[in-house]
């Protein structure tokens, strides 16, 4: 959809998400973040041991 154009002229035009997994001892922690591509600001994030994402 973005056709590799990962910038935006105005805030809230384009958002992207990424999911990272971190190992803490024998457990894993998942971090999901939403980034606004205009200023590269993190708009929202969710961290949990399970991969349950409830974005509305």
PDB file of N, CA and C in Angstrom:
ATOM      1  N   UNK A   1       0.813  -1.191   0.000  1.00  0.00           N
ATOM      2  CA  UNK A   1       0.000   0.000   0.000  1.00  0.00           C
ATOM      3  C   UNK A   1       0.863   1.264   0.000  1.00  0.00           C
ATOM      4  N   UNK A   2       1.961   1.244   0.735  1.00  0.00           N
ATOM      5  CA  UNK A   2       2.805   2.439   0.810  1.00  0.00           C
ATOM      6  C   UNK A   2       3.796   2.525  -0.344  1.00  0.00           C
ATOM      7  N   UNK A   3       3.967   1.427  -1.060  1.00  0.00           N
ATOM      8  CA  UNK A   3       4.904   1.373  -2.193  1.00  0.00           C
ATOM      9  C   UNK A   3       6.292   1.878  -1.803  1.00  0.00           C
ATOM     10  N   UNK A   4       6.724   1.450  -0.602  1.00  0.00           N
ATOM     11  CA  UNK A   4       8.047   1.772  -0.056  1.00  0.00           C
ATOM     12  C   UNK A   4       8.268   3.259   0.183  1.00  0.00           C
ATOM     13  N   UNK A   5       7.188   4.043   0.290  1.00  0.00           N
ATOM     14  CA  UNK A   5       7.281   5.470   0.621  1.00  0.00           C
ATOM     15  C   UNK A   5       6.946   5.622   2.102  1.00  0.00           C
ATOM     16  N   UNK A   6       7.993   5.569   2.926  1.00  0.00           N
ATOM     17  CA  UNK A   6       7.818   5.541   4.369  1.00  0.00           C
ATOM     18  C   UNK A   6       7.946   6.923   4.995  1.00  0.00           C
ATOM     19  N   UNK A   7       7.442   7.936   4.315  1.00  0.00           N
ATOM     20  CA  UNK A   7       7.391   9.288   4.865  1.00  0.00           C
ATOM     21  C   UNK A   7       5.997   9.849   4.621  1.00  0.00           C
ATOM     22  N   UNK A   8       5.661  10.883   5.373  1.00  0.00           N
ATOM     23  CA  UNK A   8       4.364  11.550   5.210  1.00  0.00           C
ATOM     24  C   UNK A   8       4.568  13.050   5.379  1.00  0.00           C
ATOM     25  N   UNK A   9       3.776  13.833   4.674  1.00  0.00           N
ATOM     26  CA  UNK A   9       3.868  15.291   4.745  1.00  0.00           C
ATOM     27  C   UNK A   9       3.194  15.870   5.980  1.00  0.00           C
ATOM     28  N   UNK A  10       2.136  15.202   6.440  1.00  0.00           N
ATOM     29  CA  UNK A  10       1.354  15.683   7.583  1.00  0.00           C
ATOM     30  C   UNK A  10       1.176  14.559   8.594  1.00  0.00           C
ATOM     31  N   UNK A  11       0.969  14.907   9.865  1.00  0.00           N
ATOM     32  CA  UNK A  11       0.685  13.872  10.866  1.00  0.00           C
ATOM     33  C   UNK A  11      -0.603  13.118  10.541  1.00  0.00           C
ATOM     34  N   UNK A  12      -0.657  11.879  10.952  1.00  0.00           N
ATOM     35  CA  UNK A  12      -1.825  10.991  10.819  1.00  0.00           C
ATOM     36  C   UNK A  12      -2.183  10.640   9.379  1.00  0.00           C
ATOM     37  N   UNK A  13      -1.275  10.837   8.436  1.00  0.00           N
ATOM     38  CA  UNK A  13      -1.512  10.383   7.060  1.00  0.00           C
ATOM     39  C   UNK A  13      -1.147   8.914   6.910  1.00  0.00           C
ATOM     40  N   UNK A  14       0.009   8.530   7.467  1.00  0.00           N
ATOM     41  CA  UNK A  14       0.493   7.159   7.351  1.00  0.00           C
ATOM     42  C   UNK A  14       0.999   6.693   8.712  1.00  0.00           C
ATOM     43  N   UNK A  15       0.512   5.519   9.106  1.00  0.00           N
ATOM     44  CA  UNK A  15       0.993   4.875  10.317  1.00  0.00           C
ATOM     45  C   UNK A  15       1.525   3.502   9.932  1.00  0.00           C
ATOM     46  N   UNK A  16       2.466   3.010  10.683  1.00  0.00           N
ATOM     47  CA  UNK A  16       2.947   1.648  10.472  1.00  0.00           C
ATOM     48  C   UNK A  16       3.111   0.978  11.831  1.00  0.00           C
ATOM     49  N   UNK A  17       3.192  -0.336  11.806  1.00  0.00           N
ATOM     50  CA  UNK A  17       3.359  -1.089  13.041  1.00  0.00           C
ATOM     51  C   UNK A  17       4.501  -2.074  12.894  1.00  0.00           C
ATOM     52  N   UNK A  18       5.062  -2.443  14.013  1.00  0.00           N
ATOM     53  CA  UNK A  18       6.105  -3.451  14.048  1.00  0.00           C
ATOM     54  C   UNK A  18       5.958  -4.209  15.357  1.00  0.00           C
ATOM     55  N   UNK A  19       6.292  -5.475  15.318  1.00  0.00           N
ATOM     56  CA  UNK A  19       6.214  -6.313  16.509  1.00  0.00           C
ATOM     57  C   UNK A  19       7.603  -6.866  16.785  1.00  0.00           C
ATOM     58  N   UNK A  20       8.075  -6.664  17.988  1.00  0.00           N
ATOM     59  CA  UNK A  20       9.372  -7.174  18.429  1.00  0.00           C
ATOM     60  C   UNK A  20       9.149  -8.162  19.563  1.00  0.00           C
ATOM     61  N   UNK A  21      10.028  -9.128  19.641  1.00  0.00           N
ATOM     62  CA  UNK A  21       9.954 -10.106  20.713  1.00  0.00           C
ATOM     63  C   UNK A  21      11.276 -10.093  21.475  1.00  0.00           C
ATOM     64  N   UNK A  22      11.186 -10.010  22.793  1.00  0.00           N
ATOM     65  CA  UNK A  22      12.365  -9.976  23.646  1.00  0.00           C
ATOM     66  C   UNK A  22      12.342 -11.171  24.584  1.00  0.00           C
ATOM     67  N   UNK A  23      13.476 -11.779  24.788  1.00  0.00           N
ATOM     68  CA  UNK A  23      13.585 -12.911  25.700  1.00  0.00           C
ATOM     69  C   UNK A  23      14.066 -12.400  27.058  1.00  0.00           C
ATOM     70  N   UNK A  24      13.314 -12.736  28.099  1.00  0.00           N
ATOM     71  CA  UNK A  24      13.659 -12.383  29.470  1.00  0.00           C
ATOM     72  C   UNK A  24      13.761 -13.677  30.265  1.00  0.00           C
ATOM     73  N   UNK A  25      14.959 -14.190  30.399  1.00  0.00           N
ATOM     74  CA  UNK A  25      15.128 -15.484  31.052  1.00  0.00           C
ATOM     75  C   UNK A  25      14.491 -16.564  30.206  1.00  0.00           C
ATOM     76  N   UNK A  26      13.536 -17.291  30.786  1.00  0.00           N
ATOM     77  CA  UNK A  26      12.848 -18.344  30.027  1.00  0.00           C
ATOM     78  C   UNK A  26      11.513 -17.874  29.463  1.00  0.00           C
ATOM     79  N   UNK A  27      11.205 -16.597  29.587  1.00  0.00           N
ATOM     80  CA  UNK A  27       9.952 -16.061  29.051  1.00  0.00           C
ATOM     81  C   UNK A  27      10.233 -15.130  27.878  1.00  0.00           C
ATOM     82  N   UNK A  28       9.190 -14.871  27.103  1.00  0.00           N
ATOM     83  CA  UNK A  28       9.287 -13.948  25.983  1.00  0.00           C
ATOM     84  C   UNK A  28       8.282 -12.818  26.159  1.00  0.00           C
ATOM     85  N   UNK A  29       8.712 -11.619  25.829  1.00  0.00           N
ATOM     86  CA  UNK A  29       7.868 -10.439  25.944  1.00  0.00           C
ATOM     87  C   UNK A  29       7.694  -9.843  24.554  1.00  0.00           C
ATOM     88  N   UNK A  30       6.448  -9.584  24.169  1.00  0.00           N
ATOM     89  CA  UNK A  30       6.154  -9.016  22.852  1.00  0.00           C
ATOM     90  C   UNK A  30       5.843  -7.529  22.978  1.00  0.00           C
ATOM     91  N   UNK A  31       6.423  -6.737  22.084  1.00  0.00           N
ATOM     92  CA  UNK A  31       6.181  -5.298  22.030  1.00  0.00           C
ATOM     93  C   UNK A  31       5.662  -4.956  20.645  1.00  0.00           C
ATOM     94  N   UNK A  32       4.493  -4.347  20.591  1.00  0.00           N
ATOM     95  CA  UNK A  32       3.915  -3.889  19.340  1.00  0.00           C
ATOM     96  C   UNK A  32       3.760  -2.375  19.422  1.00  0.00           C
ATOM     97  N   UNK A  33       4.307  -1.678  18.441  1.00  0.00           N
ATOM     98  CA  UNK A  33       4.253  -0.213  18.447  1.00  0.00           C
ATOM     99  C   UNK A  33       3.648   0.294  17.145  1.00  0.00           C
ATOM    100  N   UNK A  34       2.941   1.408  17.224  1.00  0.00           N
ATOM    101  CA  UNK A  34       2.408   2.089  16.039  1.00  0.00           C
ATOM    102  C   UNK A  34       3.133   3.417  15.915  1.00  0.00           C
ATOM    103  N   UNK A  35       3.707   3.656  14.737  1.00  0.00           N
ATOM    104  CA  UNK A  35       4.515   4.853  14.496  1.00  0.00           C
ATOM    105  C   UNK A  35       3.865   5.720  13.423  1.00  0.00           C
ATOM    106  N   UNK A  36       3.799   7.031  13.676  1.00  0.00           N
ATOM    107  CA  UNK A  36       3.347   8.001  12.680  1.00  0.00           C
ATOM    108  C   UNK A  36       4.550   8.319  11.790  1.00  0.00           C
ATOM    109  N   UNK A  37       4.411   8.144  10.497  1.00  0.00           N
ATOM    110  CA  UNK A  37       5.540   8.304   9.587  1.00  0.00           C
ATOM    111  C   UNK A  37       5.896   9.751   9.278  1.00  0.00           C
ATOM    112  N   UNK A  38       5.124  10.696   9.757  1.00  0.00           N
ATOM    113  CA  UNK A  38       5.464  12.109   9.544  1.00  0.00           C
ATOM    114  C   UNK A  38       6.637  12.510  10.431  1.00  0.00           C
ATOM    115  N   UNK A  39       6.493  12.368  11.718  1.00  0.00           N
ATOM    116  CA  UNK A  39       7.545  12.776  12.644  1.00  0.00           C
ATOM    117  C   UNK A  39       8.284  11.603  13.264  1.00  0.00           C
ATOM    118  N   UNK A  40       7.933  10.379  12.835  1.00  0.00           N
ATOM    119  CA  UNK A  40       8.517   9.151  13.379  1.00  0.00           C
ATOM    120  C   UNK A  40       8.206   8.980  14.866  1.00  0.00           C
ATOM    121  N   UNK A  41       7.089   9.562  15.305  1.00  0.00           N
ATOM    122  CA  UNK A  41       6.682   9.460  16.706  1.00  0.00           C
ATOM    123  C   UNK A  41       5.919   8.169  16.944  1.00  0.00           C
ATOM    124  N   UNK A  42       6.098   7.584  18.122  1.00  0.00           N
ATOM    125  CA  UNK A  42       5.307   6.428  18.524  1.00  0.00           C
ATOM    126  C   UNK A  42       3.944   6.947  18.991  1.00  0.00           C
ATOM    127  N   UNK A  43       2.885   6.493  18.327  1.00  0.00           N
ATOM    128  CA  UNK A  43       1.525   6.931  18.631  1.00  0.00           C
ATOM    129  C   UNK A  43       0.923   6.074  19.741  1.00  0.00           C
ATOM    130  N   UNK A  44       1.200   4.771  19.710  1.00  0.00           N
ATOM    131  CA  UNK A  44       0.671   3.847  20.708  1.00  0.00           C
ATOM    132  C   UNK A  44       1.579   2.625  20.772  1.00  0.00           C
ATOM    133  N   UNK A  45       1.522   1.917  21.904  1.00  0.00           N
ATOM    134  CA  UNK A  45       2.252   0.661  22.002  1.00  0.00           C
ATOM    135  C   UNK A  45       1.532  -0.269  22.957  1.00  0.00           C
ATOM    136  N   UNK A  46       1.839  -1.536  22.825  1.00  0.00           N
ATOM    137  CA  UNK A  46       1.273  -2.561  23.696  1.00  0.00           C
ATOM    138  C   UNK A  46       2.369  -3.582  23.973  1.00  0.00           C
ATOM    139  N   UNK A  47       2.517  -3.955  25.245  1.00  0.00           N
ATOM    140  CA  UNK A  47       3.524  -4.929  25.622  1.00  0.00           C
ATOM    141  C   UNK A  47       2.855  -6.024  26.436  1.00  0.00           C
ATOM    142  N   UNK A  48       3.152  -7.286  26.098  1.00  0.00           N
ATOM    143  CA  UNK A  48       2.560  -8.383  26.855  1.00  0.00           C
ATOM    144  C   UNK A  48       3.349  -9.665  26.626  1.00  0.00           C
ATOM    145  N   UNK A  49       3.050 -10.668  27.435  1.00  0.00           N
ATOM    146  CA  UNK A  49       3.659 -11.990  27.258  1.00  0.00           C
ATOM    147  C   UNK A  49       2.954 -12.776  26.161  1.00  0.00           C
ATOM    148  N   UNK A  50       1.714 -12.449  25.903  1.00  0.00           N
ATOM    149  CA  UNK A  50       0.928 -13.136  24.876  1.00  0.00           C
ATOM    150  C   UNK A  50       0.726 -12.214  23.687  1.00  0.00           C
ATOM    151  N   UNK A  51       0.499 -12.791  22.527  1.00  0.00           N
ATOM    152  CA  UNK A  51       0.301 -12.001  21.321  1.00  0.00           C
ATOM    153  C   UNK A  51      -1.183 -11.745  21.102  1.00  0.00           C
ATOM    154  N   UNK A  52      -1.765 -10.949  21.992  1.00  0.00           N
ATOM    155  CA  UNK A  52      -3.170 -10.551  21.879  1.00  0.00           C
ATOM    156  C   UNK A  52      -3.189  -9.044  21.699  1.00  0.00           C
ATOM    157  N   UNK A  53      -3.543  -8.587  20.504  1.00  0.00           N
ATOM    158  CA  UNK A  53      -3.551  -7.158  20.213  1.00  0.00           C
ATOM    159  C   UNK A  53      -4.994  -6.691  20.024  1.00  0.00           C
ATOM    160  N   UNK A  54      -5.368  -5.693  20.752  1.00  0.00           N
ATOM    161  CA  UNK A  54      -6.730  -5.154  20.674  1.00  0.00           C
ATOM    162  C   UNK A  54      -6.657  -3.687  20.268  1.00  0.00           C
ATOM    163  N   UNK A  55      -6.315  -3.411  19.035  1.00  0.00           N
ATOM    164  CA  UNK A  55      -6.276  -2.030  18.539  1.00  0.00           C
ATOM    165  C   UNK A  55      -7.653  -1.670  18.012  1.00  0.00           C
ATOM    166  N   UNK A  56      -8.168  -0.558  18.422  1.00  0.00           N
ATOM    167  CA  UNK A  56      -9.480  -0.113  17.945  1.00  0.00           C
ATOM    168  C   UNK A  56      -9.341   1.214  17.261  1.00  0.00           C
TER     169      UNK A  56
END
